């Protein structure tokens, strides 16, 4: 499923996310995935996806969870949007903050 352009515009304004970063967020709204799975699905370089995921994590929109496969050593990370309703609330709160900031700019005119 392709990320709607309106969502890309919204996330650019509110969080300064690129179109590719928003695509990854949109993908994770319906899938928990490893970096390699995201890169393959969205046809992006793995290191680029990793960089985008770091930004999404720091914004609080995406969560990273360590997992261990049974019978194997080591761990791997899975990225997700664990609570879509909470994410929507967070975006709506950011929209209100953004609106208030812009009204303050208008007051200075």
PDB file of N, CA and C in Angstrom:
ATOM      1  N   UNK A   1       0.852  -1.175   0.000  1.00  0.00           N
ATOM      2  CA  UNK A   1       0.000   0.000   0.000  1.00  0.00           C
ATOM      3  C   UNK A   1       0.902   1.244   0.000  1.00  0.00           C
ATOM      4  N   UNK A   2       0.605   2.149  -0.871  1.00  0.00           N
ATOM      5  CA  UNK A   2       1.417   3.361  -1.015  1.00  0.00           C
ATOM      6  C   UNK A   2       0.971   4.429  -0.017  1.00  0.00           C
ATOM      7  N   UNK A   3       1.933   5.130   0.519  1.00  0.00           N
ATOM      8  CA  UNK A   3       1.673   6.202   1.476  1.00  0.00           C
ATOM      9  C   UNK A   3       1.026   7.382   0.754  1.00  0.00           C
ATOM     10  N   UNK A   4      -0.120   7.857   1.249  1.00  0.00           N
ATOM     11  CA  UNK A   4      -0.788   8.996   0.605  1.00  0.00           C
ATOM     12  C   UNK A   4       0.067  10.259   0.650  1.00  0.00           C
ATOM     13  N   UNK A   5       0.046  11.038  -0.430  1.00  0.00           N
ATOM     14  CA  UNK A   5       0.826  12.286  -0.461  1.00  0.00           C
ATOM     15  C   UNK A   5       0.438  13.249   0.657  1.00  0.00           C
ATOM     16  N   UNK A   6      -0.827  13.241   1.056  1.00  0.00           N
ATOM     17  CA  UNK A   6      -1.277  14.131   2.130  1.00  0.00           C
ATOM     18  C   UNK A   6      -0.582  13.792   3.454  1.00  0.00           C
ATOM     19  N   UNK A   7      -0.366  12.501   3.678  1.00  0.00           N
ATOM     20  CA  UNK A   7       0.340  12.106   4.903  1.00  0.00           C
ATOM     21  C   UNK A   7       1.796  12.549   4.832  1.00  0.00           C
ATOM     22  N   UNK A   8       2.396  12.426   3.646  1.00  0.00           N
ATOM     23  CA  UNK A   8       3.779  12.866   3.482  1.00  0.00           C
ATOM     24  C   UNK A   8       3.898  14.362   3.749  1.00  0.00           C
ATOM     25  N   UNK A   9       2.954  15.151   3.245  1.00  0.00           N
ATOM     26  CA  UNK A   9       2.967  16.602   3.471  1.00  0.00           C
ATOM     27  C   UNK A   9       2.801  16.925   4.953  1.00  0.00           C
ATOM     28  N   UNK A  10       1.873  16.249   5.599  1.00  0.00           N
ATOM     29  CA  UNK A  10       1.606  16.484   7.017  1.00  0.00           C
ATOM     30  C   UNK A  10       2.840  16.182   7.866  1.00  0.00           C
ATOM     31  N   UNK A  11       3.472  15.047   7.618  1.00  0.00           N
ATOM     32  CA  UNK A  11       4.630  14.643   8.414  1.00  0.00           C
ATOM     33  C   UNK A  11       5.845  15.525   8.126  1.00  0.00           C
ATOM     34  N   UNK A  12       5.925  16.073   6.924  1.00  0.00           N
ATOM     35  CA  UNK A  12       6.993  17.019   6.591  1.00  0.00           C
ATOM     36  C   UNK A  12       6.837  18.289   7.423  1.00  0.00           C
ATOM     37  N   UNK A  13       5.613  18.800   7.485  1.00  0.00           N
ATOM     38  CA  UNK A  13       5.341  20.026   8.222  1.00  0.00           C
ATOM     39  C   UNK A  13       5.515  19.823   9.727  1.00  0.00           C
ATOM     40  N   UNK A  14       4.980  18.739  10.262  1.00  0.00           N
ATOM     41  CA  UNK A  14       4.968  18.549  11.710  1.00  0.00           C
ATOM     42  C   UNK A  14       6.280  18.018  12.287  1.00  0.00           C
ATOM     43  N   UNK A  15       6.927  17.112  11.559  1.00  0.00           N
ATOM     44  CA  UNK A  15       8.118  16.437  12.099  1.00  0.00           C
ATOM     45  C   UNK A  15       9.354  16.578  11.213  1.00  0.00           C
ATOM     46  N   UNK A  16       9.227  17.298  10.116  1.00  0.00           N
ATOM     47  CA  UNK A  16      10.318  17.445   9.153  1.00  0.00           C
ATOM     48  C   UNK A  16      10.791  16.086   8.628  1.00  0.00           C
ATOM     49  N   UNK A  17       9.837  15.191   8.375  1.00  0.00           N
ATOM     50  CA  UNK A  17      10.169  13.878   7.824  1.00  0.00           C
ATOM     51  C   UNK A  17      10.174  13.950   6.308  1.00  0.00           C
ATOM     52  N   UNK A  18      11.104  13.247   5.719  1.00  0.00           N
ATOM     53  CA  UNK A  18      11.148  13.148   4.259  1.00  0.00           C
ATOM     54  C   UNK A  18      10.035  12.206   3.795  1.00  0.00           C
ATOM     55  N   UNK A  19       9.819  12.186   2.500  1.00  0.00           N
ATOM     56  CA  UNK A  19       8.842  11.258   1.940  1.00  0.00           C
ATOM     57  C   UNK A  19       9.208   9.819   2.238  1.00  0.00           C
ATOM     58  N   UNK A  20      10.485   9.487   2.158  1.00  0.00           N
ATOM     59  CA  UNK A  20      10.933   8.117   2.433  1.00  0.00           C
ATOM     60  C   UNK A  20      10.753   7.750   3.900  1.00  0.00           C
ATOM     61  N   UNK A  21      11.038   8.685   4.792  1.00  0.00           N
ATOM     62  CA  UNK A  21      10.840   8.419   6.219  1.00  0.00           C
ATOM     63  C   UNK A  21       9.364   8.184   6.516  1.00  0.00           C
ATOM     64  N   UNK A  22       8.501   8.966   5.889  1.00  0.00           N
ATOM     65  CA  UNK A  22       7.069   8.793   6.080  1.00  0.00           C
ATOM     66  C   UNK A  22       6.594   7.471   5.482  1.00  0.00           C
ATOM     67  N   UNK A  23       7.168   7.073   4.349  1.00  0.00           N
ATOM     68  CA  UNK A  23       6.832   5.762   3.769  1.00  0.00           C
ATOM     69  C   UNK A  23       7.129   4.642   4.754  1.00  0.00           C
ATOM     70  N   UNK A  24       8.269   4.718   5.413  1.00  0.00           N
ATOM     71  CA  UNK A  24       8.648   3.689   6.387  1.00  0.00           C
ATOM     72  C   UNK A  24       7.665   3.698   7.557  1.00  0.00           C
ATOM     73  N   UNK A  25       7.336   4.871   8.065  1.00  0.00           N
ATOM     74  CA  UNK A  25       6.360   4.969   9.145  1.00  0.00           C
ATOM     75  C   UNK A  25       5.032   4.361   8.725  1.00  0.00           C
ATOM     76  N   UNK A  26       4.589   4.698   7.537  1.00  0.00           N
ATOM     77  CA  UNK A  26       3.319   4.183   7.016  1.00  0.00           C
ATOM     78  C   UNK A  26       3.360   2.659   6.908  1.00  0.00           C
ATOM     79  N   UNK A  27       4.467   2.124   6.411  1.00  0.00           N
ATOM     80  CA  UNK A  27       4.643   0.675   6.306  1.00  0.00           C
ATOM     81  C   UNK A  27       4.561   0.023   7.684  1.00  0.00           C
ATOM     82  N   UNK A  28       5.205   0.641   8.670  1.00  0.00           N
ATOM     83  CA  UNK A  28       5.230   0.064  10.014  1.00  0.00           C
ATOM     84  C   UNK A  28       3.884   0.163  10.732  1.00  0.00           C
ATOM     85  N   UNK A  29       2.991   0.986  10.234  1.00  0.00           N
ATOM     86  CA  UNK A  29       1.644   1.039  10.819  1.00  0.00           C
ATOM     87  C   UNK A  29       0.890  -0.281  10.603  1.00  0.00           C
ATOM     88  N   UNK A  30       1.306  -1.034   9.603  1.00  0.00           N
ATOM     89  CA  UNK A  30       0.638  -2.301   9.329  1.00  0.00           C
ATOM     90  C   UNK A  30       1.525  -3.520   9.475  1.00  0.00           C
ATOM     91  N   UNK A  31       2.806  -3.311   9.791  1.00  0.00           N
ATOM     92  CA  UNK A  31       3.758  -4.419   9.840  1.00  0.00           C
ATOM     93  C   UNK A  31       4.821  -4.168  10.896  1.00  0.00           C
ATOM     94  N   UNK A  32       5.154  -5.209  11.654  1.00  0.00           N
ATOM     95  CA  UNK A  32       6.370  -5.181  12.469  1.00  0.00           C
ATOM     96  C   UNK A  32       7.444  -5.772  11.575  1.00  0.00           C
ATOM     97  N   UNK A  33       8.637  -5.164  11.543  1.00  0.00           N
ATOM     98  CA  UNK A  33       9.628  -5.650  10.585  1.00  0.00           C
ATOM     99  C   UNK A  33      11.049  -5.335  11.017  1.00  0.00           C
ATOM    100  N   UNK A  34      11.960  -6.146  10.510  1.00  0.00           N
ATOM    101  CA  UNK A  34      13.393  -5.898  10.648  1.00  0.00           C
ATOM    102  C   UNK A  34      13.820  -4.880   9.593  1.00  0.00           C
ATOM    103  N   UNK A  35      15.001  -4.316   9.796  1.00  0.00           N
ATOM    104  CA  UNK A  35      15.532  -3.347   8.835  1.00  0.00           C
ATOM    105  C   UNK A  35      15.597  -3.975   7.442  1.00  0.00           C
ATOM    106  N   UNK A  36      16.107  -5.193   7.352  1.00  0.00           N
ATOM    107  CA  UNK A  36      16.262  -5.845   6.050  1.00  0.00           C
ATOM    108  C   UNK A  36      14.924  -6.053   5.348  1.00  0.00           C
ATOM    109  N   UNK A  37      13.882  -6.350   6.109  1.00  0.00           N
ATOM    110  CA  UNK A  37      12.547  -6.544   5.532  1.00  0.00           C
ATOM    111  C   UNK A  37      11.976  -5.223   5.011  1.00  0.00           C
ATOM    112  N   UNK A  38      12.189  -4.166   5.765  1.00  0.00           N
ATOM    113  CA  UNK A  38      11.715  -2.843   5.343  1.00  0.00           C
ATOM    114  C   UNK A  38      12.445  -2.419   4.073  1.00  0.00           C
ATOM    115  N   UNK A  39      13.763  -2.587   4.079  1.00  0.00           N
ATOM    116  CA  UNK A  39      14.576  -2.202   2.921  1.00  0.00           C
ATOM    117  C   UNK A  39      14.134  -2.954   1.675  1.00  0.00           C
ATOM    118  N   UNK A  40      13.894  -4.238   1.823  1.00  0.00           N
ATOM    119  CA  UNK A  40      13.469  -5.042   0.679  1.00  0.00           C
ATOM    120  C   UNK A  40      12.087  -4.620   0.186  1.00  0.00           C
ATOM    121  N   UNK A  41      11.167  -4.463   1.105  1.00  0.00           N
ATOM    122  CA  UNK A  41       9.788  -4.114   0.737  1.00  0.00           C
ATOM    123  C   UNK A  41       9.710  -2.747   0.053  1.00  0.00           C
ATOM    124  N   UNK A  42      10.482  -1.782   0.545  1.00  0.00           N
ATOM    125  CA  UNK A  42      10.409  -0.420   0.013  1.00  0.00           C
ATOM    126  C   UNK A  42      11.497  -0.116  -1.007  1.00  0.00           C
ATOM    127  N   UNK A  43      12.302  -1.146  -1.314  1.00  0.00           N
ATOM    128  CA  UNK A  43      13.374  -1.030  -2.312  1.00  0.00           C
ATOM    129  C   UNK A  43      14.303   0.138  -1.984  1.00  0.00           C
ATOM    130  N   UNK A  44      14.808   0.104  -0.754  1.00  0.00           N
ATOM    131  CA  UNK A  44      15.739   1.128  -0.289  1.00  0.00           C
ATOM    132  C   UNK A  44      16.979   0.432   0.268  1.00  0.00           C
ATOM    133  N   UNK A  45      18.074   1.180   0.303  1.00  0.00           N
ATOM    134  CA  UNK A  45      19.311   0.653   0.863  1.00  0.00           C
ATOM    135  C   UNK A  45      19.154   0.437   2.367  1.00  0.00           C
ATOM    136  N   UNK A  46      19.682  -0.670   2.841  1.00  0.00           N
ATOM    137  CA  UNK A  46      19.554  -1.040   4.253  1.00  0.00           C
ATOM    138  C   UNK A  46      20.107   0.038   5.192  1.00  0.00           C
ATOM    139  N   UNK A  47      21.266   0.603   4.876  1.00  0.00           N
ATOM    140  CA  UNK A  47      21.859   1.618   5.747  1.00  0.00           C
ATOM    141  C   UNK A  47      21.015   2.897   5.762  1.00  0.00           C
ATOM    142  N   UNK A  48      20.399   3.204   4.651  1.00  0.00           N
ATOM    143  CA  UNK A  48      19.510   4.375   4.572  1.00  0.00           C
ATOM    144  C   UNK A  48      18.284   4.147   5.445  1.00  0.00           C
ATOM    145  N   UNK A  49      17.709   2.952   5.357  1.00  0.00           N
ATOM    146  CA  UNK A  49      16.541   2.616   6.180  1.00  0.00           C
ATOM    147  C   UNK A  49      16.907   2.715   7.656  1.00  0.00           C
ATOM    148  N   UNK A  50      18.076   2.216   8.021  1.00  0.00           N
ATOM    149  CA  UNK A  50      18.529   2.282   9.418  1.00  0.00           C
ATOM    150  C   UNK A  50      18.599   3.728   9.902  1.00  0.00           C
ATOM    151  N   UNK A  51      19.126   4.610   9.076  1.00  0.00           N
ATOM    152  CA  UNK A  51      19.218   6.036   9.421  1.00  0.00           C
ATOM    153  C   UNK A  51      17.824   6.641   9.601  1.00  0.00           C
ATOM    154  N   UNK A  52      16.918   6.310   8.691  1.00  0.00           N
ATOM    155  CA  UNK A  52      15.555   6.824   8.795  1.00  0.00           C
ATOM    156  C   UNK A  52      14.871   6.320  10.064  1.00  0.00           C
ATOM    157  N   UNK A  53      15.089   5.053  10.389  1.00  0.00           N
ATOM    158  CA  UNK A  53      14.478   4.474  11.585  1.00  0.00           C
ATOM    159  C   UNK A  53      14.979   5.158  12.854  1.00  0.00           C
ATOM    160  N   UNK A  54      16.239   5.533  12.868  1.00  0.00           N
ATOM    161  CA  UNK A  54      16.780   6.247  14.027  1.00  0.00           C
ATOM    162  C   UNK A  54      16.036   7.562  14.238  1.00  0.00           C
ATOM    163  N   UNK A  55      15.784   8.279  13.155  1.00  0.00           N
ATOM    164  CA  UNK A  55      15.048   9.547  13.268  1.00  0.00           C
ATOM    165  C   UNK A  55      13.610   9.300  13.738  1.00  0.00           C
ATOM    166  N   UNK A  56      12.976   8.266  13.196  1.00  0.00           N
ATOM    167  CA  UNK A  56      11.602   7.957  13.594  1.00  0.00           C
ATOM    168  C   UNK A  56      11.536   7.543  15.066  1.00  0.00           C
ATOM    169  N   UNK A  57      12.537   6.813  15.526  1.00  0.00           N
ATOM    170  CA  UNK A  57      12.607   6.433  16.937  1.00  0.00           C
ATOM    171  C   UNK A  57      12.767   7.653  17.825  1.00  0.00           C
ATOM    172  N   UNK A  58      13.676   8.540  17.449  1.00  0.00           N
ATOM    173  CA  UNK A  58      13.929   9.714  18.282  1.00  0.00           C
ATOM    174  C   UNK A  58      12.712  10.634  18.338  1.00  0.00           C
ATOM    175  N   UNK A  59      11.870  10.588  17.311  1.00  0.00           N
ATOM    176  CA  UNK A  59      10.639  11.393  17.321  1.00  0.00           C
ATOM    177  C   UNK A  59       9.549  10.732  18.152  1.00  0.00           C
ATOM    178  N   UNK A  60       9.780   9.483  18.564  1.00  0.00           N
ATOM    179  CA  UNK A  60       8.802   8.767  19.381  1.00  0.00           C
ATOM    180  C   UNK A  60       7.686   8.121  18.589  1.00  0.00           C
ATOM    181  N   UNK A  61       7.812   8.080  17.264  1.00  0.00           N
ATOM    182  CA  UNK A  61       6.758   7.518  16.430  1.00  0.00           C
ATOM    183  C   UNK A  61       6.925   6.022  16.201  1.00  0.00           C
ATOM    184  N   UNK A  62       8.142   5.520  16.357  1.00  0.00           N
ATOM    185  CA  UNK A  62       8.452   4.112  16.086  1.00  0.00           C
ATOM    186  C   UNK A  62       9.190   3.534  17.283  1.00  0.00           C
ATOM    187  N   UNK A  63       8.933   2.259  17.544  1.00  0.00           N
ATOM    188  CA  UNK A  63       9.601   1.566  18.648  1.00  0.00           C
ATOM    189  C   UNK A  63      10.491   0.458  18.106  1.00  0.00           C
ATOM    190  N   UNK A  64      11.625   0.256  18.768  1.00  0.00           N
ATOM    191  CA  UNK A  64      12.537  -0.831  18.425  1.00  0.00           C
ATOM    192  C   UNK A  64      12.535  -1.828  19.573  1.00  0.00           C
ATOM    193  N   UNK A  65      12.396  -3.101  19.227  1.00  0.00           N
ATOM    194  CA  UNK A  65      12.350  -4.155  20.240  1.00  0.00           C
ATOM    195  C   UNK A  65      13.370  -5.234  19.895  1.00  0.00           C
ATOM    196  N   UNK A  66      14.199  -5.599  20.864  1.00  0.00           N
ATOM    197  CA  UNK A  66      15.171  -6.672  20.664  1.00  0.00           C
ATOM    198  C   UNK A  66      14.477  -8.017  20.826  1.00  0.00           C
ATOM    199  N   UNK A  67      14.803  -8.936  19.949  1.00  0.00           N
ATOM    200  CA  UNK A  67      14.252 -10.291  20.014  1.00  0.00           C
ATOM    201  C   UNK A  67      15.377 -11.298  19.829  1.00  0.00           C
ATOM    202  N   UNK A  68      15.140 -12.503  20.335  1.00  0.00           N
ATOM    203  CA  UNK A  68      16.113 -13.585  20.215  1.00  0.00           C
ATOM    204  C   UNK A  68      15.400 -14.779  19.588  1.00  0.00           C
ATOM    205  N   UNK A  69      16.036 -15.372  18.568  1.00  0.00           N
ATOM    206  CA  UNK A  69      15.475 -16.574  17.956  1.00  0.00           C
ATOM    207  C   UNK A  69      15.819 -17.773  18.815  1.00  0.00           C
ATOM    208  N   UNK A  70      14.851 -18.662  18.989  1.00  0.00           N
ATOM    209  CA  UNK A  70      15.094 -19.868  19.781  1.00  0.00           C
ATOM    210  C   UNK A  70      16.203 -20.697  19.160  1.00  0.00           C
ATOM    211  N   UNK A  71      17.100 -21.173  20.017  1.00  0.00           N
ATOM    212  CA  UNK A  71      18.173 -22.033  19.564  1.00  0.00           C
ATOM    213  C   UNK A  71      19.317 -21.316  18.860  1.00  0.00           C
ATOM    214  N   UNK A  72      19.275 -20.001  18.802  1.00  0.00           N
ATOM    215  CA  UNK A  72      20.339 -19.249  18.137  1.00  0.00           C
ATOM    216  C   UNK A  72      20.926 -18.228  19.092  1.00  0.00           C
ATOM    217  N   UNK A  73      22.183 -17.920  18.876  1.00  0.00           N
ATOM    218  CA  UNK A  73      22.836 -16.884  19.661  1.00  0.00           C
ATOM    219  C   UNK A  73      22.572 -15.530  19.014  1.00  0.00           C
ATOM    220  N   UNK A  74      22.677 -14.511  19.816  1.00  0.00           N
ATOM    221  CA  UNK A  74      22.498 -13.170  19.289  1.00  0.00           C
ATOM    222  C   UNK A  74      21.051 -12.726  19.302  1.00  0.00           C
ATOM    223  N   UNK A  75      20.889 -11.498  18.927  1.00  0.00           N
ATOM    224  CA  UNK A  75      19.543 -10.925  18.899  1.00  0.00           C
ATOM    225  C   UNK A  75      19.374 -10.105  17.635  1.00  0.00           C
ATOM    226  N   UNK A  76      18.167  -9.754  17.357  1.00  0.00           N
ATOM    227  CA  UNK A  76      17.851  -8.895  16.227  1.00  0.00           C
ATOM    228  C   UNK A  76      16.801  -7.898  16.688  1.00  0.00           C
ATOM    229  N   UNK A  77      16.606  -6.850  15.898  1.00  0.00           N
ATOM    230  CA  UNK A  77      15.663  -5.810  16.271  1.00  0.00           C
ATOM    231  C   UNK A  77      14.482  -5.782  15.310  1.00  0.00           C
ATOM    232  N   UNK A  78      13.328  -5.567  15.892  1.00  0.00           N
ATOM    233  CA  UNK A  78      12.096  -5.422  15.124  1.00  0.00           C
ATOM    234  C   UNK A  78      11.541  -4.034  15.411  1.00  0.00           C
ATOM    235  N   UNK A  79      11.135  -3.358  14.365  1.00  0.00           N
ATOM    236  CA  UNK A  79      10.586  -2.006  14.464  1.00  0.00           C
ATOM    237  C   UNK A  79       9.082  -2.058  14.265  1.00  0.00           C
ATOM    238  N   UNK A  80       8.380  -1.189  14.997  1.00  0.00           N
ATOM    239  CA  UNK A  80       6.925  -1.199  14.902  1.00  0.00           C
ATOM    240  C   UNK A  80       6.335   0.134  15.349  1.00  0.00           C
ATOM    241  N   UNK A  81       5.058   0.290  15.030  1.00  0.00           N
ATOM    242  CA  UNK A  81       4.225   1.343  15.610  1.00  0.00           C
ATOM    243  C   UNK A  81       3.288   0.572  16.533  1.00  0.00           C
ATOM    244  N   UNK A  82       3.642   0.476  17.819  1.00  0.00           N
ATOM    245  CA  UNK A  82       2.925  -0.424  18.712  1.00  0.00           C
ATOM    246  C   UNK A  82       1.484  -0.026  19.006  1.00  0.00           C
ATOM    247  N   UNK A  83       1.194   1.244  18.955  1.00  0.00           N
ATOM    248  CA  UNK A  83      -0.153   1.711  19.285  1.00  0.00           C
ATOM    249  C   UNK A  83      -0.536   2.813  18.296  1.00  0.00           C
ATOM    250  N   UNK A  84      -1.228   2.408  17.238  1.00  0.00           N
ATOM    251  CA  UNK A  84      -1.581   3.381  16.188  1.00  0.00           C
ATOM    252  C   UNK A  84      -2.469   4.495  16.712  1.00  0.00           C
ATOM    253  N   UNK A  85      -3.372   4.171  17.629  1.00  0.00           N
ATOM    254  CA  UNK A  85      -4.252   5.212  18.176  1.00  0.00           C
ATOM    255  C   UNK A  85      -3.444   6.243  18.957  1.00  0.00           C
ATOM    256  N   UNK A  86      -2.466   5.786  19.719  1.00  0.00           N
ATOM    257  CA  UNK A  86      -1.605   6.721  20.465  1.00  0.00           C
ATOM    258  C   UNK A  86      -0.775   7.561  19.498  1.00  0.00           C
ATOM    259  N   UNK A  87      -0.309   6.934  18.412  1.00  0.00           N
ATOM    260  CA  UNK A  87       0.448   7.686  17.412  1.00  0.00           C
ATOM    261  C   UNK A  87      -0.427   8.787  16.813  1.00  0.00           C
ATOM    262  N   UNK A  88      -1.672   8.471  16.496  1.00  0.00           N
ATOM    263  CA  UNK A  88      -2.583   9.474  15.943  1.00  0.00           C
ATOM    264  C   UNK A  88      -2.801  10.613  16.932  1.00  0.00           C
ATOM    265  N   UNK A  89      -2.944  10.273  18.219  1.00  0.00           N
ATOM    266  CA  UNK A  89      -3.107  11.297  19.243  1.00  0.00           C
ATOM    267  C   UNK A  89      -1.875  12.191  19.316  1.00  0.00           C
ATOM    268  N   UNK A  90      -0.704  11.562  19.247  1.00  0.00           N
ATOM    269  CA  UNK A  90       0.548  12.311  19.306  1.00  0.00           C
ATOM    270  C   UNK A  90       0.661  13.271  18.118  1.00  0.00           C
ATOM    271  N   UNK A  91       0.282  12.815  16.940  1.00  0.00           N
ATOM    272  CA  UNK A  91       0.317  13.666  15.745  1.00  0.00           C
ATOM    273  C   UNK A  91      -0.686  14.806  15.883  1.00  0.00           C
ATOM    274  N   UNK A  92      -1.886  14.496  16.399  1.00  0.00           N
ATOM    275  CA  UNK A  92      -2.903  15.539  16.596  1.00  0.00           C
ATOM    276  C   UNK A  92      -2.419  16.582  17.597  1.00  0.00           C
ATOM    277  N   UNK A  93      -1.749  16.143  18.666  1.00  0.00           N
ATOM    278  CA  UNK A  93      -1.187  17.086  19.639  1.00  0.00           C
ATOM    279  C   UNK A  93      -0.131  17.969  18.983  1.00  0.00           C
ATOM    280  N   UNK A  94       0.703  17.354  18.158  1.00  0.00           N
ATOM    281  CA  UNK A  94       1.740  18.129  17.454  1.00  0.00           C
ATOM    282  C   UNK A  94       1.106  19.132  16.499  1.00  0.00           C
ATOM    283  N   UNK A  95      -0.016  18.746  15.858  1.00  0.00           N
ATOM    284  CA  UNK A  95      -0.724  19.665  14.960  1.00  0.00           C
ATOM    285  C   UNK A  95      -1.199  20.899  15.735  1.00  0.00           C
ATOM    286  N   UNK A  96      -1.719  20.686  16.926  1.00  0.00           N
ATOM    287  CA  UNK A  96      -2.181  21.804  17.752  1.00  0.00           C
ATOM    288  C   UNK A  96      -1.015  22.714  18.136  1.00  0.00           C
ATOM    289  N   UNK A  97       0.111  22.104  18.528  1.00  0.00           N
ATOM    290  CA  UNK A  97       1.304  22.891  18.856  1.00  0.00           C
ATOM    291  C   UNK A  97       1.745  23.713  17.657  1.00  0.00           C
ATOM    292  N   UNK A  98       1.772  23.074  16.495  1.00  0.00           N
ATOM    293  CA  UNK A  98       2.195  23.743  15.266  1.00  0.00           C
ATOM    294  C   UNK A  98       1.280  24.926  14.970  1.00  0.00           C
ATOM    295  N   UNK A  99      -0.029  24.691  15.101  1.00  0.00           N
ATOM    296  CA  UNK A  99      -1.009  25.748  14.834  1.00  0.00           C
ATOM    297  C   UNK A  99      -0.800  26.930  15.773  1.00  0.00           C
ATOM    298  N   UNK A 100      -0.585  26.655  17.046  1.00  0.00           N
ATOM    299  CA  UNK A 100      -0.354  27.732  18.015  1.00  0.00           C
ATOM    300  C   UNK A 100       0.919  28.501  17.679  1.00  0.00           C
ATOM    301  N   UNK A 101       1.968  27.778  17.301  1.00  0.00           N
ATOM    302  CA  UNK A 101       3.223  28.433  16.914  1.00  0.00           C
ATOM    303  C   UNK A 101       3.006  29.370  15.728  1.00  0.00           C
ATOM    304  N   UNK A 102       2.230  28.934  14.761  1.00  0.00           N
ATOM    305  CA  UNK A 102       2.011  29.751  13.549  1.00  0.00           C
ATOM    306  C   UNK A 102       1.129  30.947  13.838  1.00  0.00           C
ATOM    307  N   UNK A 103       0.151  30.787  14.750  1.00  0.00           N
ATOM    308  CA  UNK A 103      -0.672  31.938  15.119  1.00  0.00           C
ATOM    309  C   UNK A 103       0.169  32.996  15.830  1.00  0.00           C
ATOM    310  N   UNK A 104       1.160  32.547  16.627  1.00  0.00           N
ATOM    311  CA  UNK A 104       2.061  33.495  17.274  1.00  0.00           C
ATOM    312  C   UNK A 104       2.848  34.290  16.245  1.00  0.00           C
ATOM    313  N   UNK A 105       3.243  33.648  15.177  1.00  0.00           N
ATOM    314  CA  UNK A 105       3.952  34.343  14.091  1.00  0.00           C
ATOM    315  C   UNK A 105       3.047  35.400  13.485  1.00  0.00           C
ATOM    316  N   UNK A 106       1.776  35.071  13.298  1.00  0.00           N
ATOM    317  CA  UNK A 106       0.830  36.048  12.733  1.00  0.00           C
ATOM    318  C   UNK A 106       0.660  37.259  13.643  1.00  0.00           C
ATOM    319  N   UNK A 107       0.702  37.028  14.951  1.00  0.00           N
ATOM    320  CA  UNK A 107       0.555  38.126  15.905  1.00  0.00           C
ATOM    321  C   UNK A 107       1.686  39.133  15.771  1.00  0.00           C
ATOM    322  N   UNK A 108       2.856  38.663  15.332  1.00  0.00           N
ATOM    323  CA  UNK A 108       4.019  39.553  15.203  1.00  0.00           C
ATOM    324  C   UNK A 108       3.967  40.429  13.963  1.00  0.00           C
ATOM    325  N   UNK A 109       3.026  40.181  13.104  1.00  0.00           N
ATOM    326  CA  UNK A 109       2.941  40.963  11.858  1.00  0.00           C
ATOM    327  C   UNK A 109       2.287  42.298  12.131  1.00  0.00           C
TER     328      UNK A 109
END
